[in-house]
Amino acid sequence: MTQEEKDMFRLKLEEEIRKTEIQIEELKEQTKPIPPENSLGRITRMDAINNKSVAEASLRRSKRKMSRLNSSLVKLDDPDFGRCAVCSDKIPVQRLMVLPESAHCINCAARH
C-alpha cells in the first residue's frame, strides 16, 4: 500500500469510526429498558420488545465493527498492514475502502 493510499484509507477509517460512534449511541437509546408503567397494549409491548432485541443485536455488531476499525487504525503503519490474517495475501485497496474493518482477502472471507 502506497503512502497516498494509506492517507486515503486513514481518512476513510476515521470517517467510518465517526459514523459507527453515532450509530452506537443511537442503538444504545433504542436498547434502553421498556418501563412497565408505559401504557402499551400487549401487541405493542411485544413489538417494542422485539425491536429492542433487534437493536441489541445491531449494537453488538456495531461494537465489534468499532473494535475492528480501531484495530485497523492502530495497525495502519505496520509493514504487514493490508495482508490477509489467514493466508497473508495482499488485500486489495478497493476492498479495504469498501470494508475498512476487513482483515481477510475475498477468498478467505468467503470460506469463513
Protein backbone atom coordinates (compact mmCIF):
# COMPACT_ATOMS: atom_id res chain seq x y z
CA MET A 1 0.00 0.00 0.00
CA THR A 2 1.45 3.34 -1.01
CA GLN A 3 1.61 6.28 1.38
CA GLU A 4 -1.09 8.07 -0.63
CA GLU A 5 -3.36 5.02 -0.34
CA LYS A 6 -2.65 4.86 3.41
CA ASP A 7 -3.57 8.52 3.79
CA MET A 8 -6.84 7.99 1.90
CA PHE A 9 -7.52 4.88 3.92
CA ARG A 10 -6.82 6.69 7.21
CA LEU A 11 -9.45 9.29 6.27
CA LYS A 12 -11.90 6.53 5.39
CA LEU A 13 -11.23 4.78 8.71
CA GLU A 14 -11.73 7.99 10.69
CA GLU A 15 -14.99 8.67 8.84
CA GLU A 16 -16.24 5.12 9.49
CA ILE A 17 -15.29 5.41 13.17
CA ARG A 18 -17.30 8.65 13.49
CA LYS A 19 -20.32 7.08 11.75
CA THR A 20 -20.11 3.96 13.89
CA GLU A 21 -19.85 6.01 17.10
CA ILE A 22 -23.05 7.83 16.17
CA GLN A 23 -24.74 4.54 15.30
CA ILE A 24 -23.71 3.02 18.64
CA GLU A 25 -25.15 5.97 20.56
CA GLU A 26 -28.44 5.73 18.66
CA LEU A 27 -28.62 1.99 19.27
CA LYS A 28 -27.92 2.46 22.98
CA GLU A 29 -31.01 4.67 23.14
CA GLN A 30 -33.09 2.01 21.39
CA THR A 31 -31.94 -0.71 23.79
CA LYS A 32 -32.96 1.03 26.98
CA PRO A 33 -35.41 -0.99 29.10
CA ILE A 34 -39.09 -0.52 28.38
CA PRO A 35 -40.67 0.88 31.54
CA PRO A 36 -43.62 -1.21 32.73
CA GLU A 37 -45.61 1.91 33.57
CA ASN A 38 -45.86 2.79 29.88
CA SER A 39 -49.44 2.15 28.84
CA LEU A 40 -48.70 -0.04 25.85
CA GLY A 41 -51.07 -2.67 24.64
CA ARG A 42 -49.98 -6.31 24.70
CA ILE A 43 -49.17 -6.39 20.97
CA THR A 44 -47.42 -3.03 21.08
CA ARG A 45 -45.33 -4.17 24.05
CA MET A 46 -44.38 -7.35 22.18
CA ASP A 47 -43.35 -5.24 19.17
CA ALA A 48 -41.30 -2.97 21.43
CA ILE A 49 -39.55 -5.97 22.99
CA ASN A 50 -38.85 -7.43 19.56
CA ASN A 51 -37.50 -4.09 18.31
CA LYS A 52 -35.30 -3.85 21.40
CA SER A 53 -33.87 -7.32 20.67
CA VAL A 54 -33.09 -6.35 17.09
CA ALA A 55 -31.43 -3.13 18.29
CA GLU A 56 -29.37 -5.09 20.83
CA ALA A 57 -28.07 -7.40 18.08
CA SER A 58 -27.24 -4.38 15.91
CA LEU A 59 -25.47 -2.76 18.85
CA ARG A 60 -23.29 -5.85 19.36
CA ARG A 61 -22.39 -5.88 15.64
CA SER A 62 -21.59 -2.16 15.70
CA LYS A 63 -19.36 -2.57 18.74
CA ARG A 64 -17.46 -5.42 17.03
CA LYS A 65 -17.09 -3.26 13.92
CA MET A 66 -15.79 -0.36 16.04
CA SER A 67 -13.23 -2.65 17.62
CA ARG A 68 -12.02 -3.84 14.19
CA LEU A 69 -11.92 -0.26 12.86
CA ASN A 70 -9.82 0.90 15.80
CA SER A 71 -7.55 -2.11 15.36
CA SER A 72 -7.08 -1.24 11.68
CA LEU A 73 -6.27 2.35 12.57
CA VAL A 74 -3.61 1.24 15.08
CA LYS A 75 -2.08 -1.26 12.64
CA LEU A 76 -2.16 1.07 9.62
CA ASP A 77 1.55 1.91 9.81
CA ASP A 78 2.66 -1.70 10.32
CA PRO A 79 4.52 -3.14 7.33
CA ASP A 80 2.13 -6.13 7.25
CA PHE A 81 -0.99 -3.98 7.18
CA GLY A 82 -3.26 -4.83 4.27
CA ARG A 83 -2.39 -8.52 4.34
CA CYS A 84 -4.96 -11.23 4.97
CA ALA A 85 -4.91 -12.59 8.52
CA VAL A 86 -5.39 -16.14 7.20
CA CYS A 87 -3.35 -16.53 4.01
CA SER A 88 -1.13 -13.39 4.16
CA ASP A 89 -2.08 -12.38 0.61
CA LYS A 90 -2.45 -8.69 -0.07
CA ILE A 91 -5.99 -7.38 0.48
CA PRO A 92 -6.94 -5.16 -2.48
CA VAL A 93 -7.13 -1.47 -1.56
CA GLN A 94 -10.58 -1.29 -3.15
CA ARG A 95 -11.83 -3.93 -0.68
CA LEU A 96 -10.35 -2.02 2.24
CA MET A 97 -12.01 1.20 1.07
CA VAL A 98 -15.40 -0.53 0.99
CA LEU A 99 -14.88 -2.60 4.16
CA PRO A 100 -12.18 -0.76 6.12
CA GLU A 101 -12.51 -3.17 9.05
CA SER A 102 -11.70 -6.17 6.86
CA ALA A 103 -8.78 -8.35 7.91
CA HIS A 104 -9.33 -11.02 5.25
CA CYS A 105 -8.98 -11.22 1.49
CA ILE A 106 -12.09 -12.02 -0.52
CA ASN A 107 -11.25 -15.74 -0.82
CA CYS A 108 -10.63 -16.26 2.91
CA ALA A 109 -13.66 -14.16 3.86
CA ALA A 110 -15.84 -16.35 1.62
CA ARG A 111 -14.57 -19.52 3.35
CA HIS A 112 -15.29 -18.24 6.87
